[in-house]
Amino acid sequence: MNYDIANPDLAEVGSRRIEWAGRRMQVLETVRERFKEEKPLEGHVIAACLHVTAETANLMLALRDGGAEPVLCASNPLSTQDDVAAALVAEGIPVFAIRGEDDGTYYKHIHAALDHAPAVTMDDGADLATVLHTDRRDIEVIGSTEETTTGVIRLRAMSADGTLRVPVVAVNDSATKHLFDNHYGTGQSTLDGIIRASNVLLAGQNLVVVGYGDCGRGVADRADGLGAKVIVVEVDPVRALAAAMSGYQVMTADQAAEVGDIFVTVTGNKHVLRGRHFEKMKDGAIVANSGHFDIELDLQALERESVARRVVRENLEEFEMPDGRRILVAAEGRLVNLGAAEGHPADVMDMSFTNQALAAEYLIQNRDDLEPRIYTLPTEIDDQVASIKLSHLGGGLEKLTEEQIAYLSGWQEGT
């Protein structure tokens, strides 16, 4: 554990941040109140490998109030908010994370969390699950949950080759996660990170979005709203067509590299921007990644090709090329929204973390009926989360009449 429980100043700052985020997380608070009464997680250790932020802290407190013994480690070396970690430790929740930790420490902390012998694990990128399936096969868990597209891809690959040995709830596949967290959360927080790192004006800039999934759409839409000229790079023809019909230019990475001012990768894949692309970029191009892992950018190639590098602003590093061009990398190529900013707003993490809490409950309640494969939370849980959120936004739902219900369920009456 990396935080001294006797450090009241740091913990107090974190406590205020947690309280502020909690005010914007009404859906999670609703579930938390039920958890306090029912204690559905009673006696179970839950180890979470998530971004250590104020929003995550509210999830940890909700799990604790549900009777669980939560343990937290970081899912990214640059995403930990140290004051939040200190505040959780002051609450008696073990935290194994510190901002800026190296890879060795990062995995040491994952093992430290697993040392608590969890019944359920929660992941943001599948690192915890991967270690659980390789180095820590001694630990028997009821099941796992996964928060991200990247993590679900990894876990589906494990399931396909027969190595997955626990049931996994793909929280990312819940509509109230990927349609909101990925789109609205990633869109806003990514641009927030780029602006904080560079203080660049987005209006009038050629902003290249590499990947047009739920996250890429969000980045493109928010950038368009701020006046950027959006270019999309995509390998999927349907997504590329959708981008074109939304009014964005669609190019290959090679074409976009020559005209882009700002580049954002959101693919979940490896080296989508690499040496040949860096060679074509203009002087002053800014490169950022909002996919889970920094491997989306081939930074080793950039380093090899550069003749000098220096930090020009906090979270912004400049690489000088042999011809004098300068390419700027935000947040070391890691998640720019968390490395250079504060991540997604609490309002949208509210639904994602409610899904995480309900997924843990689902795994525990259905432990005898689940097989080692990928599951999605039942639609009724999605609908419940959406309905609670809508009510807090002041919205109301129309209800079908009995006549309408009968019509929709029949087939004979066509007029």
Protein backbone atom coordinates (compact mmCIF):
# COMPACT_ATOMS: atom_id res chain seq x y z
CA MET A 1 0.00 0.00 0.00
CA ASN A 2 1.44 3.35 -1.03
CA TYR A 3 -0.35 5.88 1.14
CA ASP A 4 0.19 6.77 4.76
CA ILE A 5 -3.12 6.72 6.59
CA ALA A 6 -1.63 9.36 8.89
CA ASN A 7 -1.42 11.89 6.04
CA PRO A 8 -4.63 13.83 6.78
CA ASP A 9 -3.92 16.72 4.40
CA LEU A 10 -3.65 14.59 1.26
CA ALA A 11 -6.57 12.42 2.31
CA GLU A 12 -8.72 15.49 3.00
CA VAL A 13 -8.15 16.85 -0.50
CA GLY A 14 -9.06 13.47 -1.95
CA SER A 15 -12.13 13.20 0.26
CA ARG A 16 -13.46 16.49 -1.09
CA ARG A 17 -12.91 15.33 -4.67
CA ILE A 18 -14.73 12.07 -3.94
CA GLU A 19 -17.64 13.96 -2.40
CA TRP A 20 -17.87 16.31 -5.39
CA ALA A 21 -17.90 13.42 -7.87
CA GLY A 22 -20.47 11.58 -5.76
CA ARG A 23 -22.91 14.47 -6.10
CA ARG A 24 -22.99 13.80 -9.86
CA MET A 25 -23.41 10.03 -9.54
CA GLN A 26 -27.07 9.72 -8.56
CA VAL A 27 -27.64 6.32 -10.17
CA LEU A 28 -24.77 4.75 -8.25
CA GLU A 29 -26.05 6.43 -5.09
CA THR A 30 -29.46 4.85 -5.64
CA VAL A 31 -27.90 1.40 -5.90
CA ARG A 32 -25.61 2.16 -2.98
CA GLU A 33 -28.61 2.87 -0.73
CA ARG A 34 -30.10 -0.49 -1.64
CA PHE A 35 -26.74 -2.17 -1.06
CA LYS A 36 -26.60 -0.71 2.44
CA GLU A 37 -29.88 -2.43 3.31
CA GLU A 38 -29.51 -5.74 1.48
CA LYS A 39 -25.72 -6.38 1.71
CA PRO A 40 -25.69 -8.55 -1.46
CA LEU A 41 -21.89 -8.65 -1.55
CA GLU A 42 -21.47 -9.66 2.08
CA GLY A 43 -18.20 -11.46 2.86
CA HIS A 44 -16.72 -11.29 -0.64
CA VAL A 45 -13.39 -9.69 -1.49
CA ILE A 46 -13.57 -7.71 -4.75
CA ALA A 47 -10.26 -6.76 -6.34
CA ALA A 48 -10.53 -3.93 -8.87
CA CYS A 49 -7.90 -2.88 -11.40
CA LEU A 50 -9.35 0.48 -12.44
CA HIS A 51 -8.26 4.08 -12.86
CA VAL A 52 -7.83 5.43 -9.34
CA THR A 53 -10.03 8.50 -9.63
CA ALA A 54 -12.72 10.17 -7.56
CA GLU A 55 -15.39 8.41 -9.60
CA THR A 56 -13.80 5.00 -8.99
CA ALA A 57 -13.62 5.84 -5.29
CA ASN A 58 -17.40 6.18 -5.20
CA LEU A 59 -17.69 2.71 -6.72
CA MET A 60 -15.35 1.30 -4.06
CA LEU A 61 -17.44 2.88 -1.30
CA ALA A 62 -20.64 1.48 -2.83
CA LEU A 63 -19.11 -2.01 -2.92
CA ARG A 64 -18.05 -1.65 0.69
CA ASP A 65 -21.55 -0.55 1.68
CA GLY A 66 -22.86 -3.65 -0.10
CA GLY A 67 -20.86 -5.82 2.29
CA ALA A 68 -17.81 -6.42 0.09
CA GLU A 69 -14.18 -6.00 1.03
CA PRO A 70 -12.86 -3.92 -1.91
CA VAL A 71 -9.20 -3.75 -2.90
CA LEU A 72 -7.99 -1.38 -5.60
CA CYS A 73 -4.97 -1.19 -7.89
CA ALA A 74 -4.33 1.05 -10.89
CA SER A 75 -5.12 0.11 -14.49
CA ASN A 76 -2.78 2.78 -15.88
CA PRO A 77 0.47 4.22 -14.46
CA LEU A 78 -0.56 7.82 -15.19
CA SER A 79 -4.21 7.79 -14.18
CA THR A 80 -3.90 7.57 -10.40
CA GLN A 81 -5.05 10.58 -8.39
CA ASP A 82 -2.80 10.29 -5.35
CA ASP A 83 -5.06 12.28 -3.06
CA VAL A 84 -8.01 10.04 -3.89
CA ALA A 85 -5.91 6.96 -3.13
CA ALA A 86 -4.95 8.46 0.23
CA ALA A 87 -8.59 9.20 1.02
CA LEU A 88 -9.61 5.60 0.29
CA VAL A 89 -6.85 4.28 2.52
CA ALA A 90 -8.13 6.58 5.26
CA GLU A 91 -11.50 4.87 4.75
CA GLY A 92 -9.85 1.50 5.33
CA ILE A 93 -9.83 0.40 1.70
CA PRO A 94 -6.47 -1.03 0.53
CA VAL A 95 -5.05 0.80 -2.50
CA PHE A 96 -2.02 -0.31 -4.48
CA ALA A 97 -1.26 2.52 -6.91
CA ILE A 98 0.81 5.63 -7.26
CA ARG A 99 0.87 8.08 -10.14
CA GLY A 100 3.88 7.63 -12.42
CA GLU A 101 4.76 4.13 -11.26
CA ASP A 102 7.00 2.10 -13.55
CA ASP A 103 5.92 -1.15 -15.19
CA GLY A 104 7.54 -3.29 -12.51
CA THR A 105 5.69 -1.50 -9.74
CA TYR A 106 2.48 -1.57 -11.76
CA TYR A 107 2.49 -5.37 -11.93
CA LYS A 108 3.71 -5.68 -8.35
CA HIS A 109 0.57 -3.78 -7.34
CA ILE A 110 -1.64 -6.09 -9.41
CA HIS A 111 -0.18 -9.07 -7.56
CA ALA A 112 -0.65 -7.26 -4.24
CA ALA A 113 -4.35 -6.86 -5.00
CA LEU A 114 -4.64 -10.52 -5.95
CA ASP A 115 -2.90 -11.49 -2.71
CA HIS A 116 -6.20 -10.66 -1.02
CA ALA A 117 -7.73 -13.76 -2.69
CA PRO A 118 -10.68 -12.02 -4.34
CA ALA A 119 -13.97 -13.73 -5.12
CA VAL A 120 -14.66 -11.23 -7.92
CA THR A 121 -12.27 -9.14 -10.00
CA MET A 122 -13.02 -5.91 -11.88
CA ASP A 123 -10.89 -4.84 -14.82
CA ASP A 124 -10.24 -1.87 -17.07
CA GLY A 125 -8.13 -3.38 -19.84
CA ALA A 126 -8.00 -7.02 -18.65
CA ASP A 127 -4.56 -6.82 -17.01
CA LEU A 128 -5.86 -8.25 -13.74
CA ALA A 129 -7.65 -11.08 -15.54
CA THR A 130 -4.57 -11.81 -17.64
CA VAL A 131 -2.35 -12.13 -14.57
CA LEU A 132 -5.06 -14.22 -12.93
CA HIS A 133 -4.95 -16.63 -15.89
CA THR A 134 -1.16 -16.80 -16.14
CA ASP A 135 0.90 -16.16 -13.03
CA ARG A 136 -1.86 -16.50 -10.40
CA ARG A 137 -3.78 -19.59 -11.36
CA ASP A 138 -3.74 -20.51 -7.67
CA ILE A 139 -6.60 -18.09 -7.05
CA GLU A 140 -10.16 -19.32 -7.62
CA VAL A 141 -12.64 -16.56 -8.36
CA ILE A 142 -16.39 -16.55 -8.94
CA GLY A 143 -16.02 -14.31 -11.97
CA SER A 144 -14.72 -11.07 -13.44
CA THR A 145 -16.05 -7.89 -14.99
CA GLU A 146 -14.49 -5.83 -17.79
CA GLU A 147 -14.97 -2.12 -18.41
CA THR A 148 -13.32 -1.45 -21.77
CA THR A 149 -13.50 -2.35 -25.44
CA THR A 150 -9.81 -3.25 -25.36
CA GLY A 151 -10.28 -5.57 -22.41
CA VAL A 152 -13.31 -7.29 -23.93
CA ILE A 153 -11.32 -7.92 -27.12
CA ARG A 154 -8.57 -9.60 -25.07
CA LEU A 155 -11.03 -11.68 -23.07
CA ARG A 156 -12.94 -12.81 -26.16
CA ALA A 157 -9.63 -13.98 -27.61
CA MET A 158 -9.00 -15.95 -24.42
CA SER A 159 -12.47 -17.46 -24.66
CA ALA A 160 -11.95 -18.37 -28.33
CA ASP A 161 -8.75 -20.30 -27.65
CA GLY A 162 -10.16 -22.05 -24.60
CA THR A 163 -8.01 -20.42 -21.92
CA LEU A 164 -10.76 -18.43 -20.19
CA ARG A 165 -11.50 -20.23 -16.93
CA VAL A 166 -14.01 -17.88 -15.26
CA PRO A 167 -17.29 -16.24 -16.30
CA VAL A 168 -16.82 -12.62 -17.33
CA VAL A 169 -19.43 -9.88 -17.52
CA ALA A 170 -18.55 -7.53 -20.37
CA VAL A 171 -19.74 -4.33 -18.73
CA ASN A 172 -18.49 -2.44 -21.79
CA ASP A 173 -21.18 -4.13 -23.87
CA SER A 174 -24.01 -2.71 -21.77
CA ALA A 175 -25.86 -0.02 -23.69
CA THR A 176 -25.71 2.34 -20.72
CA LYS A 177 -21.92 2.00 -20.81
CA HIS A 178 -20.66 2.07 -24.39
CA LEU A 179 -23.33 4.38 -25.82
CA PHE A 180 -22.62 7.02 -23.18
CA ASP A 181 -19.27 6.49 -21.45
CA ASN A 182 -17.46 5.69 -24.70
CA HIS A 183 -19.18 8.32 -26.83
CA TYR A 184 -19.80 11.29 -24.55
CA GLY A 185 -17.19 10.58 -21.90
CA THR A 186 -14.27 9.79 -24.21
CA GLY A 187 -15.24 12.57 -26.60
CA GLN A 188 -15.17 15.30 -23.98
CA SER A 189 -12.34 14.06 -21.79
CA THR A 190 -9.99 13.34 -24.71
CA LEU A 191 -10.20 16.89 -25.99
CA ASP A 192 -9.92 18.14 -22.41
CA GLY A 193 -6.62 16.26 -22.08
CA ILE A 194 -5.24 17.55 -25.38
CA ILE A 195 -6.16 21.13 -24.54
CA ARG A 196 -4.68 20.94 -21.03
CA ALA A 197 -1.46 19.44 -22.39
CA SER A 198 -1.01 21.88 -25.29
CA ASN A 199 -3.39 24.85 -24.81
CA VAL A 200 -4.01 24.60 -28.56
CA LEU A 201 -7.08 26.14 -30.20
CA LEU A 202 -9.02 23.34 -31.89
CA ALA A 203 -11.05 25.61 -34.16
CA GLY A 204 -9.67 25.49 -37.68
CA GLN A 205 -7.29 22.60 -36.98
CA ASN A 206 -7.23 19.41 -39.02
CA LEU A 207 -7.97 16.85 -36.31
CA VAL A 208 -7.44 13.23 -37.34
CA VAL A 209 -9.40 10.55 -35.47
CA VAL A 210 -7.94 7.09 -36.04
CA GLY A 211 -10.77 4.66 -35.32
CA TYR A 212 -14.48 5.43 -35.62
CA GLY A 213 -16.06 3.14 -33.06
CA ASP A 214 -18.11 4.45 -30.15
CA CYS A 215 -15.10 6.31 -28.73
CA GLY A 216 -13.92 7.67 -32.08
CA ARG A 217 -17.39 8.96 -32.90
CA GLY A 218 -17.44 10.81 -29.62
CA VAL A 219 -14.06 12.44 -30.25
CA ALA A 220 -15.04 13.39 -33.80
CA ASP A 221 -18.37 14.89 -32.74
CA ARG A 222 -16.92 16.93 -29.89
CA ALA A 223 -14.02 18.17 -32.06
CA ASP A 224 -16.45 19.12 -34.82
CA GLY A 225 -18.49 21.07 -32.29
CA LEU A 226 -15.38 23.04 -31.31
CA GLY A 227 -14.71 24.01 -34.91
CA ALA A 228 -12.05 21.49 -35.90
CA LYS A 229 -11.98 20.05 -39.40
CA VAL A 230 -12.33 16.34 -38.68
CA ILE A 231 -10.62 13.61 -40.68
CA VAL A 232 -11.35 9.95 -39.95
CA VAL A 233 -9.07 6.96 -40.54
CA GLU A 234 -10.89 3.62 -40.43
CA VAL A 235 -10.40 0.04 -41.65
CA ASP A 236 -14.07 -0.95 -41.43
CA PRO A 237 -16.02 0.09 -44.57
CA VAL A 238 -19.33 0.52 -42.74
CA ARG A 239 -17.82 2.75 -40.07
CA ALA A 240 -15.89 4.67 -42.72
CA LEU A 241 -19.11 5.25 -44.64
CA ALA A 242 -20.85 6.38 -41.46
CA ALA A 243 -18.06 8.93 -40.89
CA ALA A 244 -18.33 10.19 -44.46
CA MET A 245 -22.11 10.57 -44.19
CA SER A 246 -21.62 12.50 -40.94
CA GLY A 247 -19.68 15.05 -42.95
CA TYR A 248 -16.14 14.02 -42.08
CA GLN A 249 -13.34 13.44 -44.54
CA VAL A 250 -12.25 9.80 -44.68
CA MET A 251 -8.62 9.09 -45.58
CA THR A 252 -5.94 6.48 -45.20
CA ALA A 253 -3.44 7.01 -42.40
CA ASP A 254 -0.77 7.90 -44.95
CA GLN A 255 -2.98 10.59 -46.51
CA ALA A 256 -4.05 11.98 -43.15
CA ALA A 257 -0.46 12.08 -41.86
CA GLU A 258 0.40 14.72 -44.45
CA VAL A 259 -2.38 17.16 -43.52
CA GLY A 260 -3.22 16.54 -39.87
CA ASP A 261 -2.47 19.05 -37.14
CA ILE A 262 -3.70 16.89 -34.25
CA PHE A 263 -3.94 13.09 -34.22
CA VAL A 264 -5.99 10.99 -31.80
CA THR A 265 -5.89 7.18 -31.82
CA VAL A 266 -8.89 5.27 -30.44
CA THR A 267 -8.70 1.80 -31.99
CA GLY A 268 -7.64 -0.74 -29.35
CA ASN A 269 -5.05 -1.95 -31.86
CA LYS A 270 -1.26 -1.83 -32.10
CA HIS A 271 0.91 0.70 -33.97
CA VAL A 272 -1.88 2.38 -35.91
CA LEU A 273 0.46 5.38 -36.17
CA ARG A 274 4.01 4.26 -36.86
CA GLY A 275 7.31 5.30 -38.40
CA ARG A 276 6.15 5.96 -41.95
CA HIS A 277 3.35 8.17 -40.66
CA PHE A 278 5.64 10.20 -38.40
CA GLU A 279 7.90 10.79 -41.41
CA LYS A 280 5.04 12.55 -43.22
CA MET A 281 3.69 14.68 -40.37
CA LYS A 282 4.07 18.44 -40.51
CA ASP A 283 6.13 20.50 -38.08
CA GLY A 284 4.25 20.95 -34.80
CA ALA A 285 1.87 18.02 -35.23
CA ILE A 286 0.40 16.85 -31.92
CA VAL A 287 -0.11 13.12 -31.39
CA ALA A 288 -2.32 11.74 -28.63
CA ASN A 289 -3.80 8.37 -27.75
CA SER A 290 -7.15 7.71 -26.12
CA GLY A 291 -7.11 3.94 -26.53
CA HIS A 292 -6.43 1.94 -23.38
CA PHE A 293 -2.81 0.99 -24.12
CA ASP A 294 0.02 3.20 -25.37
CA ILE A 295 0.91 0.63 -28.04
CA GLU A 296 -1.46 2.36 -30.46
CA LEU A 297 1.48 4.71 -31.14
CA ASP A 298 4.82 3.24 -32.18
CA LEU A 299 6.79 5.56 -29.93
CA GLN A 300 9.91 3.42 -30.18
CA ALA A 301 9.99 4.14 -33.91
CA LEU A 302 9.51 7.85 -33.25
CA GLU A 303 12.33 7.81 -30.72
CA ARG A 304 14.64 5.99 -33.14
CA GLU A 305 13.96 8.46 -35.92
CA SER A 306 14.30 11.59 -33.79
CA VAL A 307 17.57 13.39 -33.06
CA ALA A 308 16.46 15.08 -29.84
CA ARG A 309 13.58 15.05 -27.38
CA ARG A 310 12.51 17.32 -24.56
CA VAL A 311 9.50 18.10 -22.40
CA VAL A 312 8.08 21.44 -23.52
CA ARG A 313 5.02 21.50 -21.25
CA GLU A 314 3.66 19.27 -18.53
CA ASN A 315 2.39 16.13 -20.31
CA LEU A 316 3.74 17.27 -23.70
CA GLU A 317 7.01 15.97 -25.11
CA GLU A 318 8.69 17.20 -28.29
CA PHE A 319 10.59 14.91 -30.67
CA GLU A 320 12.86 16.69 -33.16
CA MET A 321 13.29 14.94 -36.50
CA PRO A 322 16.48 15.07 -38.65
CA ASP A 323 14.93 17.65 -41.00
CA GLY A 324 14.02 19.98 -38.14
CA ARG A 325 10.34 19.04 -37.87
CA ARG A 326 8.98 18.72 -34.35
CA ILE A 327 6.35 16.16 -33.39
CA LEU A 328 4.68 16.52 -30.01
CA VAL A 329 3.38 13.57 -27.99
CA ALA A 330 0.82 14.10 -25.24
CA ALA A 331 0.85 12.17 -21.95
CA GLU A 332 3.63 9.79 -23.03
CA GLY A 333 1.22 8.21 -25.51
CA ARG A 334 -0.91 6.86 -22.68
CA LEU A 335 -4.59 7.65 -22.20
CA VAL A 336 -4.55 11.40 -22.77
CA ASN A 337 -7.84 11.99 -20.99
CA LEU A 338 -6.42 10.58 -17.75
CA GLY A 339 -2.73 11.29 -18.24
CA ALA A 340 -3.24 14.98 -18.96
CA ALA A 341 -6.72 15.57 -17.50
CA GLU A 342 -9.12 13.97 -15.02
CA GLY A 343 -10.82 11.37 -17.19
CA HIS A 344 -14.52 11.11 -17.90
CA PRO A 345 -16.94 13.38 -16.03
CA ALA A 346 -18.65 11.81 -13.03
CA ASP A 347 -22.05 12.22 -14.71
CA VAL A 348 -21.23 9.57 -17.32
CA MET A 349 -19.11 7.31 -15.09
CA ASP A 350 -22.20 7.15 -12.91
CA MET A 351 -23.80 4.66 -15.29
CA SER A 352 -20.63 2.70 -16.05
CA PHE A 353 -19.79 2.15 -12.39
CA THR A 354 -23.38 1.33 -11.53
CA ASN A 355 -23.09 -1.41 -14.14
CA GLN A 356 -19.87 -2.59 -12.47
CA ALA A 357 -21.56 -2.77 -9.06
CA LEU A 358 -24.58 -4.61 -10.48
CA ALA A 359 -22.31 -6.96 -12.44
CA ALA A 360 -20.56 -7.98 -9.22
CA GLU A 361 -23.94 -8.64 -7.64
CA TYR A 362 -25.03 -10.62 -10.73
CA LEU A 363 -21.93 -12.82 -10.63
CA ILE A 364 -22.36 -13.60 -6.94
CA GLN A 365 -26.11 -14.28 -7.18
CA ASN A 366 -25.75 -16.51 -10.26
CA ARG A 367 -22.44 -18.17 -9.42
CA ASP A 368 -23.82 -21.71 -9.72
CA ASP A 369 -25.31 -21.17 -13.19
CA LEU A 370 -22.52 -19.34 -15.02
CA GLU A 371 -19.96 -20.99 -17.29
CA PRO A 372 -16.46 -19.75 -18.22
CA ARG A 373 -17.53 -17.44 -21.07
CA ILE A 374 -18.40 -13.82 -21.82
CA TYR A 375 -21.76 -12.52 -20.56
CA THR A 376 -23.67 -9.27 -20.98
CA LEU A 377 -25.81 -7.87 -18.20
CA PRO A 378 -29.52 -8.57 -18.73
CA THR A 379 -31.43 -5.91 -20.66
CA GLU A 380 -33.65 -5.19 -17.69
CA ILE A 381 -30.60 -4.01 -15.72
CA ASP A 382 -29.62 -1.71 -18.59
CA ASP A 383 -33.16 -0.34 -18.69
CA GLN A 384 -33.18 0.19 -14.94
CA VAL A 385 -29.91 2.15 -15.06
CA ALA A 386 -31.15 4.27 -17.96
CA SER A 387 -34.49 4.98 -16.29
CA ILE A 388 -32.87 6.14 -13.04
CA LYS A 389 -30.45 8.38 -14.95
CA LEU A 390 -33.24 9.83 -17.08
CA SER A 391 -35.30 10.66 -13.99
CA HIS A 392 -32.36 12.55 -12.48
CA LEU A 393 -32.05 14.52 -15.73
CA GLY A 394 -35.69 15.52 -15.41
CA GLY A 395 -36.97 13.28 -18.19
CA GLY A 396 -40.05 11.09 -18.27
CA LEU A 397 -40.95 7.95 -20.21
CA GLU A 398 -44.07 7.50 -22.31
CA LYS A 399 -46.02 4.28 -21.61
CA LEU A 400 -47.65 2.01 -24.16
CA THR A 401 -51.40 1.49 -23.93
CA GLU A 402 -52.81 -2.01 -23.66
CA GLU A 403 -54.02 -1.65 -27.26
CA GLN A 404 -50.50 -0.75 -28.43
CA ILE A 405 -48.94 -3.65 -26.52
CA ALA A 406 -51.44 -6.04 -28.10
CA TYR A 407 -50.77 -4.63 -31.57
CA LEU A 408 -47.02 -4.95 -31.26
CA SER A 409 -47.27 -8.54 -30.05
CA GLY A 410 -49.71 -9.65 -32.77
CA TRP A 411 -49.35 -10.34 -36.46
CA GLN A 412 -52.83 -10.55 -37.98
CA GLU A 413 -53.93 -6.93 -37.80
CA GLY A 414 -52.03 -4.88 -40.37
CA THR A 415 -54.00 -1.67 -40.42
